[in-house]
């Protein structure tokens, strides 16, 4: 069996989201365990997402 492939992303679009920080930590752990991990930021995709940072402006 080959390396597991994981796509990781946060459920929050906020720049300083705790979810984003947790995703980075989890992704690093998965890489250490031998997985091939791709982390994406949903802000980079043109879709309607709630963004608390934009709401405050």
C-alpha atoms as a PDB file:
ATOM      1  CA  UNK A   1       0.000   0.000   0.000  1.00  0.00           C
ATOM      2  CA  UNK A   2       1.301   3.484  -0.904  1.00  0.00           C
ATOM      3  CA  UNK A   3       1.469   6.670   1.097  1.00  0.00           C
ATOM      4  CA  UNK A   4      -1.869   8.057   2.235  1.00  0.00           C
ATOM      5  CA  UNK A   5      -2.779  11.298   0.456  1.00  0.00           C
ATOM      6  CA  UNK A   6      -4.500  13.907   2.605  1.00  0.00           C
ATOM      7  CA  UNK A   7      -6.070  17.218   1.607  1.00  0.00           C
ATOM      8  CA  UNK A   8      -6.238  19.447   4.683  1.00  0.00           C
ATOM      9  CA  UNK A   9      -8.144  22.705   5.077  1.00  0.00           C
ATOM     10  CA  UNK A  10      -9.620  24.828   7.800  1.00  0.00           C
ATOM     11  CA  UNK A  11     -13.329  25.333   8.270  1.00  0.00           C
ATOM     12  CA  UNK A  12     -12.692  29.028   8.907  1.00  0.00           C
ATOM     13  CA  UNK A  13     -11.665  31.720   6.430  1.00  0.00           C
ATOM     14  CA  UNK A  14     -10.280  34.065   9.104  1.00  0.00           C
ATOM     15  CA  UNK A  15      -6.599  34.920   8.708  1.00  0.00           C
ATOM     16  CA  UNK A  16      -5.668  34.151  12.344  1.00  0.00           C
ATOM     17  CA  UNK A  17      -8.078  31.254  12.809  1.00  0.00           C
ATOM     18  CA  UNK A  18      -7.311  28.668  15.486  1.00  0.00           C
ATOM     19  CA  UNK A  19      -8.648  26.097  13.014  1.00  0.00           C
ATOM     20  CA  UNK A  20      -5.939  27.038  10.504  1.00  0.00           C
ATOM     21  CA  UNK A  21      -3.274  26.678  13.178  1.00  0.00           C
ATOM     22  CA  UNK A  22      -4.622  23.264  14.160  1.00  0.00           C
ATOM     23  CA  UNK A  23      -4.706  22.130  10.527  1.00  0.00           C
ATOM     24  CA  UNK A  24      -1.027  23.060  10.139  1.00  0.00           C
ATOM     25  CA  UNK A  25      -0.099  21.110  13.282  1.00  0.00           C
ATOM     26  CA  UNK A  26      -2.151  18.080  12.225  1.00  0.00           C
ATOM     27  CA  UNK A  27      -0.698  18.194   8.706  1.00  0.00           C
ATOM     28  CA  UNK A  28       2.852  18.276  10.087  1.00  0.00           C
ATOM     29  CA  UNK A  29       2.065  15.236  12.237  1.00  0.00           C
ATOM     30  CA  UNK A  30       0.620  13.387   9.254  1.00  0.00           C
ATOM     31  CA  UNK A  31       3.742  14.158   7.200  1.00  0.00           C
ATOM     32  CA  UNK A  32       5.930  12.844  10.039  1.00  0.00           C
ATOM     33  CA  UNK A  33       3.832   9.669  10.008  1.00  0.00           C
ATOM     34  CA  UNK A  34       4.511   9.231   6.291  1.00  0.00           C
ATOM     35  CA  UNK A  35       1.489  10.797   4.598  1.00  0.00           C
ATOM     36  CA  UNK A  36       1.536  13.033   1.541  1.00  0.00           C
ATOM     37  CA  UNK A  37      -0.324  16.153   2.737  1.00  0.00           C
ATOM     38  CA  UNK A  38      -1.578  19.147   0.774  1.00  0.00           C
ATOM     39  CA  UNK A  39      -2.852  22.091   2.829  1.00  0.00           C
ATOM     40  CA  UNK A  40      -5.109  24.573   1.042  1.00  0.00           C
ATOM     41  CA  UNK A  41      -6.563  27.918   2.093  1.00  0.00           C
ATOM     42  CA  UNK A  42     -10.218  28.214   1.101  1.00  0.00           C
ATOM     43  CA  UNK A  43      -9.775  31.989   0.683  1.00  0.00           C
ATOM     44  CA  UNK A  44      -7.845  31.201  -2.509  1.00  0.00           C
ATOM     45  CA  UNK A  45     -10.904  29.666  -4.175  1.00  0.00           C
ATOM     46  CA  UNK A  46     -13.712  31.776  -5.678  1.00  0.00           C
ATOM     47  CA  UNK A  47     -16.681  30.569  -3.686  1.00  0.00           C
ATOM     48  CA  UNK A  48     -19.008  32.293  -1.257  1.00  0.00           C
ATOM     49  CA  UNK A  49     -17.641  31.702   2.237  1.00  0.00           C
ATOM     50  CA  UNK A  50     -18.376  33.601   5.408  1.00  0.00           C
ATOM     51  CA  UNK A  51     -15.262  35.542   6.360  1.00  0.00           C
ATOM     52  CA  UNK A  52     -15.365  37.084   9.826  1.00  0.00           C
ATOM     53  CA  UNK A  53     -12.432  39.366   8.960  1.00  0.00           C
ATOM     54  CA  UNK A  54     -14.396  40.932   6.080  1.00  0.00           C
ATOM     55  CA  UNK A  55     -17.521  41.199   8.238  1.00  0.00           C
ATOM     56  CA  UNK A  56     -15.647  43.453  10.698  1.00  0.00           C
ATOM     57  CA  UNK A  57     -14.595  45.946   7.974  1.00  0.00           C
END
